[in-house]
Every structure is written in C-alpha cells, then in structure tokens.
C-alpha atoms as a PDB file:
ATOM      1  CA  MET A   1      11.692  14.104   4.348  1.00  0.00           C
ATOM      2  CA  ALA A   2       8.135  15.087   5.219  1.00  0.00           C
ATOM      3  CA  ASP A   3       7.570  16.661   1.786  1.00  0.00           C
ATOM      4  CA  LYS A   4       8.378  13.421  -0.068  1.00  0.00           C
ATOM      5  CA  LYS A   5       5.450  11.295  -1.251  1.00  0.00           C
ATOM      6  CA  ILE A   6       4.991   7.728  -2.403  1.00  0.00           C
ATOM      7  CA  LYS A   7       2.294   6.371  -4.687  1.00  0.00           C
ATOM      8  CA  ILE A   8       0.973   2.951  -3.659  1.00  0.00           C
ATOM      9  CA  THR A   9      -1.113   0.974  -6.177  1.00  0.00           C
ATOM     10  CA  LEU A  10      -3.003  -2.243  -5.496  1.00  0.00           C
ATOM     11  CA  VAL A  11      -2.105  -4.600  -8.358  1.00  0.00           C
ATOM     12  CA  LYS A  12      -3.424  -7.936  -7.070  1.00  0.00           C
ATOM     13  CA  GLY A  13      -6.648  -8.920  -5.369  1.00  0.00           C
ATOM     14  CA  LEU A  14      -7.007  -9.881  -1.739  1.00  0.00           C
ATOM     15  CA  VAL A  15      -8.583 -13.309  -2.304  1.00  0.00           C
ATOM     16  CA  GLY A  16      -6.472 -15.866  -0.487  1.00  0.00           C
ATOM     17  CA  SER A  17      -4.685 -13.245   1.595  1.00  0.00           C
ATOM     18  CA  THR A  18      -4.530 -13.454   5.346  1.00  0.00           C
ATOM     19  CA  GLU A  19      -6.794 -11.257   7.469  1.00  0.00           C
ATOM     20  CA  ARG A  20      -3.746  -9.285   8.598  1.00  0.00           C
ATOM     21  CA  GLN A  21      -2.803  -8.496   4.992  1.00  0.00           C
ATOM     22  CA  LYS A  22      -6.365  -7.422   4.169  1.00  0.00           C
ATOM     23  CA  VAL A  23      -6.468  -5.068   7.150  1.00  0.00           C
ATOM     24  CA  ASN A  24      -3.066  -3.677   6.164  1.00  0.00           C
ATOM     25  CA  VAL A  25      -4.198  -2.943   2.592  1.00  0.00           C
ATOM     26  CA  HIS A  26      -7.416  -1.300   3.804  1.00  0.00           C
ATOM     27  CA  SER A  27      -5.419   0.782   6.300  1.00  0.00           C
ATOM     28  CA  LEU A  28      -3.404   2.120   3.381  1.00  0.00           C
ATOM     29  CA  GLY A  29      -6.706   3.257   1.866  1.00  0.00           C
ATOM     30  CA  LEU A  30      -6.844   0.716  -0.963  1.00  0.00           C
ATOM     31  CA  HIS A  31     -10.027  -1.159  -1.837  1.00  0.00           C
ATOM     32  CA  LYS A  32     -10.049  -1.986  -5.561  1.00  0.00           C
ATOM     33  CA  ILE A  33      -7.461  -3.446  -7.911  1.00  0.00           C
ATOM     34  CA  GLY A  34      -5.793  -0.629  -9.809  1.00  0.00           C
ATOM     35  CA  GLN A  35      -6.606   1.969  -7.165  1.00  0.00           C
ATOM     36  CA  SER A  36      -3.753   4.261  -6.141  1.00  0.00           C
ATOM     37  CA  VAL A  37      -3.176   6.456  -3.122  1.00  0.00           C
ATOM     38  CA  ILE A  38      -0.493   9.024  -2.443  1.00  0.00           C
ATOM     39  CA  ARG A  39       0.911   9.022   1.077  1.00  0.00           C
ATOM     40  CA  GLU A  40       3.762  10.724   2.926  1.00  0.00           C
ATOM     41  CA  ASP A  41       7.050   8.859   2.614  1.00  0.00           C
ATOM     42  CA  THR A  42       7.349   7.845   6.265  1.00  0.00           C
ATOM     43  CA  PRO A  43       8.649   4.627   7.835  1.00  0.00           C
ATOM     44  CA  VAL A  44       5.073   3.777   8.862  1.00  0.00           C
ATOM     45  CA  TYR A  45       3.696   3.753   5.308  1.00  0.00           C
ATOM     46  CA  ARG A  46       6.873   2.159   3.934  1.00  0.00           C
ATOM     47  CA  GLY A  47       6.534  -0.666   6.461  1.00  0.00           C
ATOM     48  CA  MET A  48       2.849  -1.193   5.698  1.00  0.00           C
ATOM     49  CA  ALA A  49       3.574  -1.365   1.980  1.00  0.00           C
ATOM     50  CA  ASN A  50       6.509  -3.694   2.611  1.00  0.00           C
ATOM     51  CA  ARG A  51       4.257  -6.152   4.471  1.00  0.00           C
ATOM     52  CA  VAL A  52       2.059  -6.537   1.370  1.00  0.00           C
ATOM     53  CA  ARG A  53       4.741  -5.923  -1.270  1.00  0.00           C
ATOM     54  CA  HIS A  54       3.476  -8.885  -3.319  1.00  0.00           C
ATOM     55  CA  LEU A  55       0.083  -7.140  -3.691  1.00  0.00           C
ATOM     56  CA  VAL A  56       1.136  -3.536  -4.313  1.00  0.00           C
ATOM     57  CA  THR A  57       3.598  -1.435  -6.251  1.00  0.00           C
ATOM     58  CA  VAL A  58       5.319   1.559  -4.672  1.00  0.00           C
ATOM     59  CA  GLU A  59       6.780   4.460  -6.621  1.00  0.00           C
ATOM     60  CA  GLU A  60       8.135   7.791  -5.478  1.00  0.00           C
ATOM     61  CA  VAL A  61       6.262  10.891  -6.557  1.00  0.00           C
END
C-alpha cells in the first residue's frame, strides 16, 4: 500500500473556513486554489483530506 499515491487538489478558497480547516489544508501542503500535491495513500492523508472534503478533490494516481 505504501507505493500507492493520491493527488489532492484545492478547489475552493479558505475564506469562511474554520481555523482548524485552514491548518489542515496547509498541513497537506496546499496554499492556492488549483494547486495540487501528490501524497502517499495512507490513513493519515486520507483522514486529513476527508476533514476538508468540501474544499478539495482527491484522485488516485
């Protein structure tokens, strides 16, 4: 499972989001709308993306 990757893209801005959601998005490495990062497909990153699922899209790479 360690060789699987997910691509997380920020699709909505953080205006109006809670501080916890903003910290979560920044912890994923996202700063600008449209920016994408590729991370290992682990429960940690899946959970972080799930917490802000209304702001990001997740696709398997």
